[in-house]
Amino acid sequence: MMTKDELIDKLKGIIAPYVQDEAAFKALTEDTDFVKDLKINSANLVDIILDIEDEFDIILENDDMEQMLTVKSAMAIVTGKLKD
């Protein structure tokens, strides 16, 4: 099982190309909101979801996607899927 820091690093690598607010990205925490803080648009959120599925070899359901709004929620969903 990967550590929390390793998981955050992987997520940062995935979302980096889509970030519109670099300062917010540099200051990223678990509470960072993809849309409000990083200014990622909804089309790019779909790309991020697909990238997360590929990176972690998991399948995300629609309700997972709707909940994946912050770094913390993304981590919780990914961790939950990896345990299944």
PDB file of N, CA and C in Angstrom:
ATOM      1  N   MET A   1       0.851  -1.202   0.000  1.00  0.00           N
ATOM      2  CA  MET A   1       0.000   0.000   0.000  1.00  0.00           C
ATOM      3  C   MET A   1       0.885   1.250   0.000  1.00  0.00           C
ATOM      4  N   MET A   2       0.563   2.204  -0.817  1.00  0.00           N
ATOM      5  CA  MET A   2       1.391   3.409  -0.888  1.00  0.00           C
ATOM      6  C   MET A   2       1.062   4.364   0.266  1.00  0.00           C
ATOM      7  N   THR A   3       2.028   5.174   0.609  1.00  0.00           N
ATOM      8  CA  THR A   3       1.827   6.141   1.682  1.00  0.00           C
ATOM      9  C   THR A   3       0.973   7.295   1.183  1.00  0.00           C
ATOM     10  N   LYS A   4       0.484   8.088   2.132  1.00  0.00           N
ATOM     11  CA  LYS A   4      -0.321   9.259   1.795  1.00  0.00           C
ATOM     12  C   LYS A   4       0.476  10.221   0.914  1.00  0.00           C
ATOM     13  N   ASP A   5       1.740  10.414   1.250  1.00  0.00           N
ATOM     14  CA  ASP A   5       2.577  11.331   0.458  1.00  0.00           C
ATOM     15  C   ASP A   5       2.775  10.821  -0.966  1.00  0.00           C
ATOM     16  N   GLU A   6       2.970   9.502  -1.101  1.00  0.00           N
ATOM     17  CA  GLU A   6       3.138   8.927  -2.437  1.00  0.00           C
ATOM     18  C   GLU A   6       1.864   9.111  -3.257  1.00  0.00           C
ATOM     19  N   LEU A   7       0.726   8.934  -2.597  1.00  0.00           N
ATOM     20  CA  LEU A   7      -0.560   9.097  -3.275  1.00  0.00           C
ATOM     21  C   LEU A   7      -0.761  10.548  -3.712  1.00  0.00           C
ATOM     22  N   ILE A   8      -0.446  11.492  -2.822  1.00  0.00           N
ATOM     23  CA  ILE A   8      -0.565  12.916  -3.166  1.00  0.00           C
ATOM     24  C   ILE A   8       0.367  13.244  -4.338  1.00  0.00           C
ATOM     25  N   ASP A   9       1.589  12.718  -4.315  1.00  0.00           N
ATOM     26  CA  ASP A   9       2.535  12.981  -5.402  1.00  0.00           C
ATOM     27  C   ASP A   9       2.006  12.461  -6.731  1.00  0.00           C
ATOM     28  N   LYS A  10       1.417  11.256  -6.713  1.00  0.00           N
ATOM     29  CA  LYS A  10       0.860  10.693  -7.950  1.00  0.00           C
ATOM     30  C   LYS A  10      -0.299  11.551  -8.451  1.00  0.00           C
ATOM     31  N   LEU A  11      -1.169  11.965  -7.529  1.00  0.00           N
ATOM     32  CA  LEU A  11      -2.308  12.810  -7.925  1.00  0.00           C
ATOM     33  C   LEU A  11      -1.824  14.149  -8.475  1.00  0.00           C
ATOM     34  N   LYS A  12      -0.797  14.718  -7.843  1.00  0.00           N
ATOM     35  CA  LYS A  12      -0.254  15.996  -8.321  1.00  0.00           C
ATOM     36  C   LYS A  12       0.271  15.847  -9.743  1.00  0.00           C
ATOM     37  N   GLY A  13       0.928  14.735 -10.007  1.00  0.00           N
ATOM     38  CA  GLY A  13       1.447  14.492 -11.348  1.00  0.00           C
ATOM     39  C   GLY A  13       0.337  14.403 -12.381  1.00  0.00           C
ATOM     40  N   ILE A  14      -0.796  13.817 -11.965  1.00  0.00           N
ATOM     41  CA  ILE A  14      -1.937  13.665 -12.874  1.00  0.00           C
ATOM     42  C   ILE A  14      -2.618  15.005 -13.139  1.00  0.00           C
ATOM     43  N   ILE A  15      -2.813  15.799 -12.080  1.00  0.00           N
ATOM     44  CA  ILE A  15      -3.587  17.036 -12.266  1.00  0.00           C
ATOM     45  C   ILE A  15      -2.748  18.210 -12.774  1.00  0.00           C
ATOM     46  N   ALA A  16      -1.424  18.111 -12.665  1.00  0.00           N
ATOM     47  CA  ALA A  16      -0.546  19.234 -13.031  1.00  0.00           C
ATOM     48  C   ALA A  16      -0.822  19.829 -14.418  1.00  0.00           C
ATOM     49  N   PRO A  17      -1.018  18.996 -15.461  1.00  0.00           N
ATOM     50  CA  PRO A  17      -1.206  19.586 -16.799  1.00  0.00           C
ATOM     51  C   PRO A  17      -2.495  20.409 -16.943  1.00  0.00           C
ATOM     52  N   TYR A  18      -3.434  20.217 -16.028  1.00  0.00           N
ATOM     53  CA  TYR A  18      -4.753  20.851 -16.169  1.00  0.00           C
ATOM     54  C   TYR A  18      -4.935  22.076 -15.264  1.00  0.00           C
ATOM     55  N   VAL A  19      -3.979  22.304 -14.383  1.00  0.00           N
ATOM     56  CA  VAL A  19      -4.102  23.372 -13.394  1.00  0.00           C
ATOM     57  C   VAL A  19      -4.033  24.748 -14.053  1.00  0.00           C
ATOM     58  N   GLN A  20      -4.960  25.629 -13.670  1.00  0.00           N
ATOM     59  CA  GLN A  20      -4.965  27.000 -14.199  1.00  0.00           C
ATOM     60  C   GLN A  20      -4.422  28.003 -13.184  1.00  0.00           C
ATOM     61  N   ASP A  21      -4.277  27.578 -11.928  1.00  0.00           N
ATOM     62  CA  ASP A  21      -3.772  28.484 -10.887  1.00  0.00           C
ATOM     63  C   ASP A  21      -2.528  27.857 -10.262  1.00  0.00           C
ATOM     64  N   GLU A  22      -1.375  28.256 -10.795  1.00  0.00           N
ATOM     65  CA  GLU A  22      -0.109  27.645 -10.365  1.00  0.00           C
ATOM     66  C   GLU A  22       0.209  27.893  -8.889  1.00  0.00           C
ATOM     67  N   ALA A  23      -0.141  29.086  -8.392  1.00  0.00           N
ATOM     68  CA  ALA A  23       0.139  29.396  -6.983  1.00  0.00           C
ATOM     69  C   ALA A  23      -0.632  28.451  -6.070  1.00  0.00           C
ATOM     70  N   ALA A  24      -1.899  28.216  -6.400  1.00  0.00           N
ATOM     71  CA  ALA A  24      -2.718  27.298  -5.604  1.00  0.00           C
ATOM     72  C   ALA A  24      -2.160  25.886  -5.697  1.00  0.00           C
ATOM     73  N   PHE A  25      -1.655  25.526  -6.873  1.00  0.00           N
ATOM     74  CA  PHE A  25      -1.098  24.186  -7.052  1.00  0.00           C
ATOM     75  C   PHE A  25       0.158  24.011  -6.198  1.00  0.00           C
ATOM     76  N   LYS A  26       1.003  25.044  -6.155  1.00  0.00           N
ATOM     77  CA  LYS A  26       2.225  24.965  -5.339  1.00  0.00           C
ATOM     78  C   LYS A  26       1.886  24.827  -3.860  1.00  0.00           C
ATOM     79  N   ALA A  27       0.756  25.415  -3.461  1.00  0.00           N
ATOM     80  CA  ALA A  27       0.332  25.389  -2.057  1.00  0.00           C
ATOM     81  C   ALA A  27      -0.653  24.242  -1.773  1.00  0.00           C
ATOM     82  N   LEU A  28      -0.732  23.275  -2.692  1.00  0.00           N
ATOM     83  CA  LEU A  28      -1.730  22.205  -2.604  1.00  0.00           C
ATOM     84  C   LEU A  28      -1.696  21.470  -1.267  1.00  0.00           C
ATOM     85  N   THR A  29      -2.887  21.273  -0.711  1.00  0.00           N
ATOM     86  CA  THR A  29      -3.056  20.458   0.494  1.00  0.00           C
ATOM     87  C   THR A  29      -4.193  19.482   0.236  1.00  0.00           C
ATOM     88  N   GLU A  30      -4.515  18.665   1.237  1.00  0.00           N
ATOM     89  CA  GLU A  30      -5.636  17.735   1.102  1.00  0.00           C
ATOM     90  C   GLU A  30      -6.951  18.479   0.877  1.00  0.00           C
ATOM     91  N   ASP A  31      -7.030  19.717   1.360  1.00  0.00           N
ATOM     92  CA  ASP A  31      -8.280  20.477   1.254  1.00  0.00           C
ATOM     93  C   ASP A  31      -8.402  21.275  -0.039  1.00  0.00           C
ATOM     94  N   THR A  32      -7.393  21.201  -0.898  1.00  0.00           N
ATOM     95  CA  THR A  32      -7.443  21.922  -2.165  1.00  0.00           C
ATOM     96  C   THR A  32      -8.597  21.406  -3.025  1.00  0.00           C
ATOM     97  N   ASP A  33      -9.401  22.326  -3.526  1.00  0.00           N
ATOM     98  CA  ASP A  33     -10.548  22.010  -4.380  1.00  0.00           C
ATOM     99  C   ASP A  33     -10.121  22.144  -5.846  1.00  0.00           C
ATOM    100  N   PHE A  34     -10.362  21.093  -6.626  1.00  0.00           N
ATOM    101  CA  PHE A  34      -9.900  21.095  -8.021  1.00  0.00           C
ATOM    102  C   PHE A  34     -10.478  22.249  -8.829  1.00  0.00           C
ATOM    103  N   VAL A  35     -11.754  22.539  -8.629  1.00  0.00           N
ATOM    104  CA  VAL A  35     -12.412  23.579  -9.427  1.00  0.00           C
ATOM    105  C   VAL A  35     -12.214  24.958  -8.812  1.00  0.00           C
ATOM    106  N   LYS A  36     -12.546  25.098  -7.521  1.00  0.00           N
ATOM    107  CA  LYS A  36     -12.489  26.424  -6.887  1.00  0.00           C
ATOM    108  C   LYS A  36     -11.066  26.939  -6.747  1.00  0.00           C
ATOM    109  N   ASP A  37     -10.139  26.055  -6.321  1.00  0.00           N
ATOM    110  CA  ASP A  37      -8.772  26.503  -6.051  1.00  0.00           C
ATOM    111  C   ASP A  37      -7.875  26.419  -7.284  1.00  0.00           C
ATOM    112  N   LEU A  38      -7.908  25.287  -7.967  1.00  0.00           N
ATOM    113  CA  LEU A  38      -6.988  25.066  -9.082  1.00  0.00           C
ATOM    114  C   LEU A  38      -7.561  25.539 -10.410  1.00  0.00           C
ATOM    115  N   LYS A  39      -8.854  25.941 -10.397  1.00  0.00           N
ATOM    116  CA  LYS A  39      -9.519  26.482 -11.593  1.00  0.00           C
ATOM    117  C   LYS A  39      -9.534  25.479 -12.752  1.00  0.00           C
ATOM    118  N   ILE A  40      -9.682  24.194 -12.423  1.00  0.00           N
ATOM    119  CA  ILE A  40      -9.759  23.152 -13.441  1.00  0.00           C
ATOM    120  C   ILE A  40     -11.197  23.100 -13.956  1.00  0.00           C
ATOM    121  N   ASN A  41     -11.372  23.110 -15.278  1.00  0.00           N
ATOM    122  CA  ASN A  41     -12.739  23.093 -15.815  1.00  0.00           C
ATOM    123  C   ASN A  41     -13.306  21.671 -15.858  1.00  0.00           C
ATOM    124  N   SER A  42     -14.615  21.575 -16.064  1.00  0.00           N
ATOM    125  CA  SER A  42     -15.279  20.277 -15.956  1.00  0.00           C
ATOM    126  C   SER A  42     -14.812  19.285 -17.023  1.00  0.00           C
ATOM    127  N   ALA A  43     -14.489  19.776 -18.204  1.00  0.00           N
ATOM    128  CA  ALA A  43     -13.987  18.876 -19.250  1.00  0.00           C
ATOM    129  C   ALA A  43     -12.652  18.264 -18.823  1.00  0.00           C
ATOM    130  N   ASN A  44     -11.800  19.086 -18.227  1.00  0.00           N
ATOM    131  CA  ASN A  44     -10.513  18.578 -17.762  1.00  0.00           C
ATOM    132  C   ASN A  44     -10.661  17.663 -16.560  1.00  0.00           C
ATOM    133  N   LEU A  45     -11.695  17.886 -15.742  1.00  0.00           N
ATOM    134  CA  LEU A  45     -11.950  16.968 -14.626  1.00  0.00           C
ATOM    135  C   LEU A  45     -12.205  15.565 -15.150  1.00  0.00           C
ATOM    136  N   VAL A  46     -12.911  15.462 -16.273  1.00  0.00           N
ATOM    137  CA  VAL A  46     -13.148  14.147 -16.885  1.00  0.00           C
ATOM    138  C   VAL A  46     -11.816  13.526 -17.305  1.00  0.00           C
ATOM    139  N   ASP A  47     -10.935  14.329 -17.892  1.00  0.00           N
ATOM    140  CA  ASP A  47      -9.607  13.835 -18.270  1.00  0.00           C
ATOM    141  C   ASP A  47      -8.840  13.338 -17.048  1.00  0.00           C
ATOM    142  N   ILE A  48      -8.933  14.079 -15.957  1.00  0.00           N
ATOM    143  CA  ILE A  48      -8.250  13.696 -14.719  1.00  0.00           C
ATOM    144  C   ILE A  48      -8.785  12.363 -14.202  1.00  0.00           C
ATOM    145  N   ILE A  49     -10.119  12.205 -14.242  1.00  0.00           N
ATOM    146  CA  ILE A  49     -10.735  10.948 -13.811  1.00  0.00           C
ATOM    147  C   ILE A  49     -10.176   9.783 -14.632  1.00  0.00           C
ATOM    148  N   LEU A  50     -10.122   9.955 -15.953  1.00  0.00           N
ATOM    149  CA  LEU A  50      -9.607   8.896 -16.826  1.00  0.00           C
ATOM    150  C   LEU A  50      -8.140   8.608 -16.524  1.00  0.00           C
ATOM    151  N   ASP A  51      -7.371   9.663 -16.283  1.00  0.00           N
ATOM    152  CA  ASP A  51      -5.954   9.492 -15.956  1.00  0.00           C
ATOM    153  C   ASP A  51      -5.784   8.761 -14.622  1.00  0.00           C
ATOM    154  N   ILE A  52      -6.638   9.081 -13.655  1.00  0.00           N
ATOM    155  CA  ILE A  52      -6.583   8.405 -12.350  1.00  0.00           C
ATOM    156  C   ILE A  52      -6.911   6.923 -12.523  1.00  0.00           C
ATOM    157  N   GLU A  53      -7.932   6.625 -13.329  1.00  0.00           N
ATOM    158  CA  GLU A  53      -8.277   5.222 -13.579  1.00  0.00           C
ATOM    159  C   GLU A  53      -7.090   4.464 -14.178  1.00  0.00           C
ATOM    160  N   ASP A  54      -6.434   5.086 -15.158  1.00  0.00           N
ATOM    161  CA  ASP A  54      -5.281   4.450 -15.803  1.00  0.00           C
ATOM    162  C   ASP A  54      -4.124   4.283 -14.832  1.00  0.00           C
ATOM    163  N   GLU A  55      -3.811   5.340 -14.104  1.00  0.00           N
ATOM    164  CA  GLU A  55      -2.656   5.338 -13.204  1.00  0.00           C
ATOM    165  C   GLU A  55      -2.772   4.264 -12.126  1.00  0.00           C
ATOM    166  N   PHE A  56      -3.983   4.143 -11.552  1.00  0.00           N
ATOM    167  CA  PHE A  56      -4.162   3.237 -10.418  1.00  0.00           C
ATOM    168  C   PHE A  56      -4.847   1.928 -10.810  1.00  0.00           C
ATOM    169  N   ASP A  57      -5.179   1.786 -12.108  1.00  0.00           N
ATOM    170  CA  ASP A  57      -5.851   0.585 -12.610  1.00  0.00           C
ATOM    171  C   ASP A  57      -7.136   0.294 -11.827  1.00  0.00           C
ATOM    172  N   ILE A  58      -7.985   1.328 -11.756  1.00  0.00           N
ATOM    173  CA  ILE A  58      -9.272   1.215 -11.063  1.00  0.00           C
ATOM    174  C   ILE A  58     -10.374   1.727 -11.979  1.00  0.00           C
ATOM    175  N   ILE A  59     -11.605   1.401 -11.631  1.00  0.00           N
ATOM    176  CA  ILE A  59     -12.773   1.912 -12.360  1.00  0.00           C
ATOM    177  C   ILE A  59     -13.542   2.830 -11.417  1.00  0.00           C
ATOM    178  N   LEU A  60     -13.844   4.028 -11.873  1.00  0.00           N
ATOM    179  CA  LEU A  60     -14.593   4.979 -11.050  1.00  0.00           C
ATOM    180  C   LEU A  60     -16.028   5.076 -11.546  1.00  0.00           C
ATOM    181  N   GLU A  61     -16.965   4.994 -10.617  1.00  0.00           N
ATOM    182  CA  GLU A  61     -18.388   5.112 -10.950  1.00  0.00           C
ATOM    183  C   GLU A  61     -18.764   6.594 -11.019  1.00  0.00           C
ATOM    184  N   ASN A  62     -19.957   6.872 -11.566  1.00  0.00           N
ATOM    185  CA  ASN A  62     -20.414   8.260 -11.670  1.00  0.00           C
ATOM    186  C   ASN A  62     -20.473   8.958 -10.318  1.00  0.00           C
ATOM    187  N   ASP A  63     -20.936   8.234  -9.275  1.00  0.00           N
ATOM    188  CA  ASP A  63     -21.024   8.901  -7.973  1.00  0.00           C
ATOM    189  C   ASP A  63     -19.643   9.174  -7.381  1.00  0.00           C
ATOM    190  N   ASP A  64     -18.653   8.330  -7.723  1.00  0.00           N
ATOM    191  CA  ASP A  64     -17.264   8.621  -7.316  1.00  0.00           C
ATOM    192  C   ASP A  64     -16.828   9.932  -7.947  1.00  0.00           C
ATOM    193  N   MET A  65     -17.115  10.082  -9.228  1.00  0.00           N
ATOM    194  CA  MET A  65     -16.672  11.265  -9.968  1.00  0.00           C
ATOM    195  C   MET A  65     -17.299  12.532  -9.407  1.00  0.00           C
ATOM    196  N   GLU A  66     -18.591  12.426  -9.032  1.00  0.00           N
ATOM    197  CA  GLU A  66     -19.278  13.601  -8.492  1.00  0.00           C
ATOM    198  C   GLU A  66     -18.705  14.017  -7.141  1.00  0.00           C
ATOM    199  N   GLN A  67     -18.182  13.048  -6.395  1.00  0.00           N
ATOM    200  CA  GLN A  67     -17.627  13.348  -5.073  1.00  0.00           C
ATOM    201  C   GLN A  67     -16.168  13.800  -5.137  1.00  0.00           C
ATOM    202  N   MET A  68     -15.510  13.545  -6.257  1.00  0.00           N
ATOM    203  CA  MET A  68     -14.073  13.806  -6.347  1.00  0.00           C
ATOM    204  C   MET A  68     -13.811  15.278  -6.651  1.00  0.00           C
ATOM    205  N   LEU A  69     -13.997  16.106  -5.631  1.00  0.00           N
ATOM    206  CA  LEU A  69     -13.889  17.552  -5.819  1.00  0.00           C
ATOM    207  C   LEU A  69     -12.647  18.138  -5.165  1.00  0.00           C
ATOM    208  N   THR A  70     -12.104  17.425  -4.190  1.00  0.00           N
ATOM    209  CA  THR A  70     -10.915  17.900  -3.490  1.00  0.00           C
ATOM    210  C   THR A  70      -9.841  16.823  -3.528  1.00  0.00           C
ATOM    211  N   VAL A  71      -8.629  17.206  -3.178  1.00  0.00           N
ATOM    212  CA  VAL A  71      -7.533  16.250  -3.094  1.00  0.00           C
ATOM    213  C   VAL A  71      -7.892  15.153  -2.092  1.00  0.00           C
ATOM    214  N   LYS A  72      -8.461  15.556  -0.952  1.00  0.00           N
ATOM    215  CA  LYS A  72      -8.809  14.581   0.093  1.00  0.00           C
ATOM    216  C   LYS A  72      -9.838  13.574  -0.401  1.00  0.00           C
ATOM    217  N   SER A  73     -10.876  14.042  -1.094  1.00  0.00           N
ATOM    218  CA  SER A  73     -11.899  13.108  -1.583  1.00  0.00           C
ATOM    219  C   SER A  73     -11.319  12.186  -2.659  1.00  0.00           C
ATOM    220  N   ALA A  74     -10.456  12.717  -3.505  1.00  0.00           N
ATOM    221  CA  ALA A  74      -9.813  11.878  -4.526  1.00  0.00           C
ATOM    222  C   ALA A  74      -8.975  10.792  -3.863  1.00  0.00           C
ATOM    223  N   MET A  75      -8.230  11.163  -2.828  1.00  0.00           N
ATOM    224  CA  MET A  75      -7.404  10.196  -2.108  1.00  0.00           C
ATOM    225  C   MET A  75      -8.264   9.108  -1.465  1.00  0.00           C
ATOM    226  N   ALA A  76      -9.371   9.526  -0.848  1.00  0.00           N
ATOM    227  CA  ALA A  76     -10.250   8.566  -0.167  1.00  0.00           C
ATOM    228  C   ALA A  76     -10.853   7.586  -1.174  1.00  0.00           C
ATOM    229  N   ILE A  77     -11.288   8.103  -2.315  1.00  0.00           N
ATOM    230  CA  ILE A  77     -11.909   7.252  -3.332  1.00  0.00           C
ATOM    231  C   ILE A  77     -10.881   6.282  -3.913  1.00  0.00           C
ATOM    232  N   VAL A  78      -9.701   6.784  -4.248  1.00  0.00           N
ATOM    233  CA  VAL A  78      -8.654   5.926  -4.816  1.00  0.00           C
ATOM    234  C   VAL A  78      -8.256   4.855  -3.798  1.00  0.00           C
ATOM    235  N   THR A  79      -8.051   5.263  -2.564  1.00  0.00           N
ATOM    236  CA  THR A  79      -7.640   4.307  -1.521  1.00  0.00           C
ATOM    237  C   THR A  79      -8.710   3.226  -1.335  1.00  0.00           C
ATOM    238  N   GLY A  80      -9.972   3.652  -1.341  1.00  0.00           N
ATOM    239  CA  GLY A  80     -11.068   2.699  -1.207  1.00  0.00           C
ATOM    240  C   GLY A  80     -11.110   1.708  -2.347  1.00  0.00           C
ATOM    241  N   LYS A  81     -10.879   2.190  -3.567  1.00  0.00           N
ATOM    242  CA  LYS A  81     -10.904   1.320  -4.740  1.00  0.00           C
ATOM    243  C   LYS A  81      -9.725   0.330  -4.716  1.00  0.00           C
ATOM    244  N   LEU A  82      -8.583   0.799  -4.237  1.00  0.00           N
ATOM    245  CA  LEU A  82      -7.398  -0.071  -4.201  1.00  0.00           C
ATOM    246  C   LEU A  82      -7.567  -1.197  -3.177  1.00  0.00           C
ATOM    247  N   LYS A  83      -8.387  -0.944  -2.146  1.00  0.00           N
ATOM    248  CA  LYS A  83      -8.634  -1.970  -1.122  1.00  0.00           C
ATOM    249  C   LYS A  83      -9.597  -3.042  -1.604  1.00  0.00           C
ATOM    250  N   ASP A  84     -10.508  -2.652  -2.527  1.00  0.00           N
ATOM    251  CA  ASP A  84     -11.534  -3.603  -2.998  1.00  0.00           C
ATOM    252  C   ASP A  84     -10.909  -4.842  -3.651  1.00  0.00           C
TER     253      ASP A  84
END
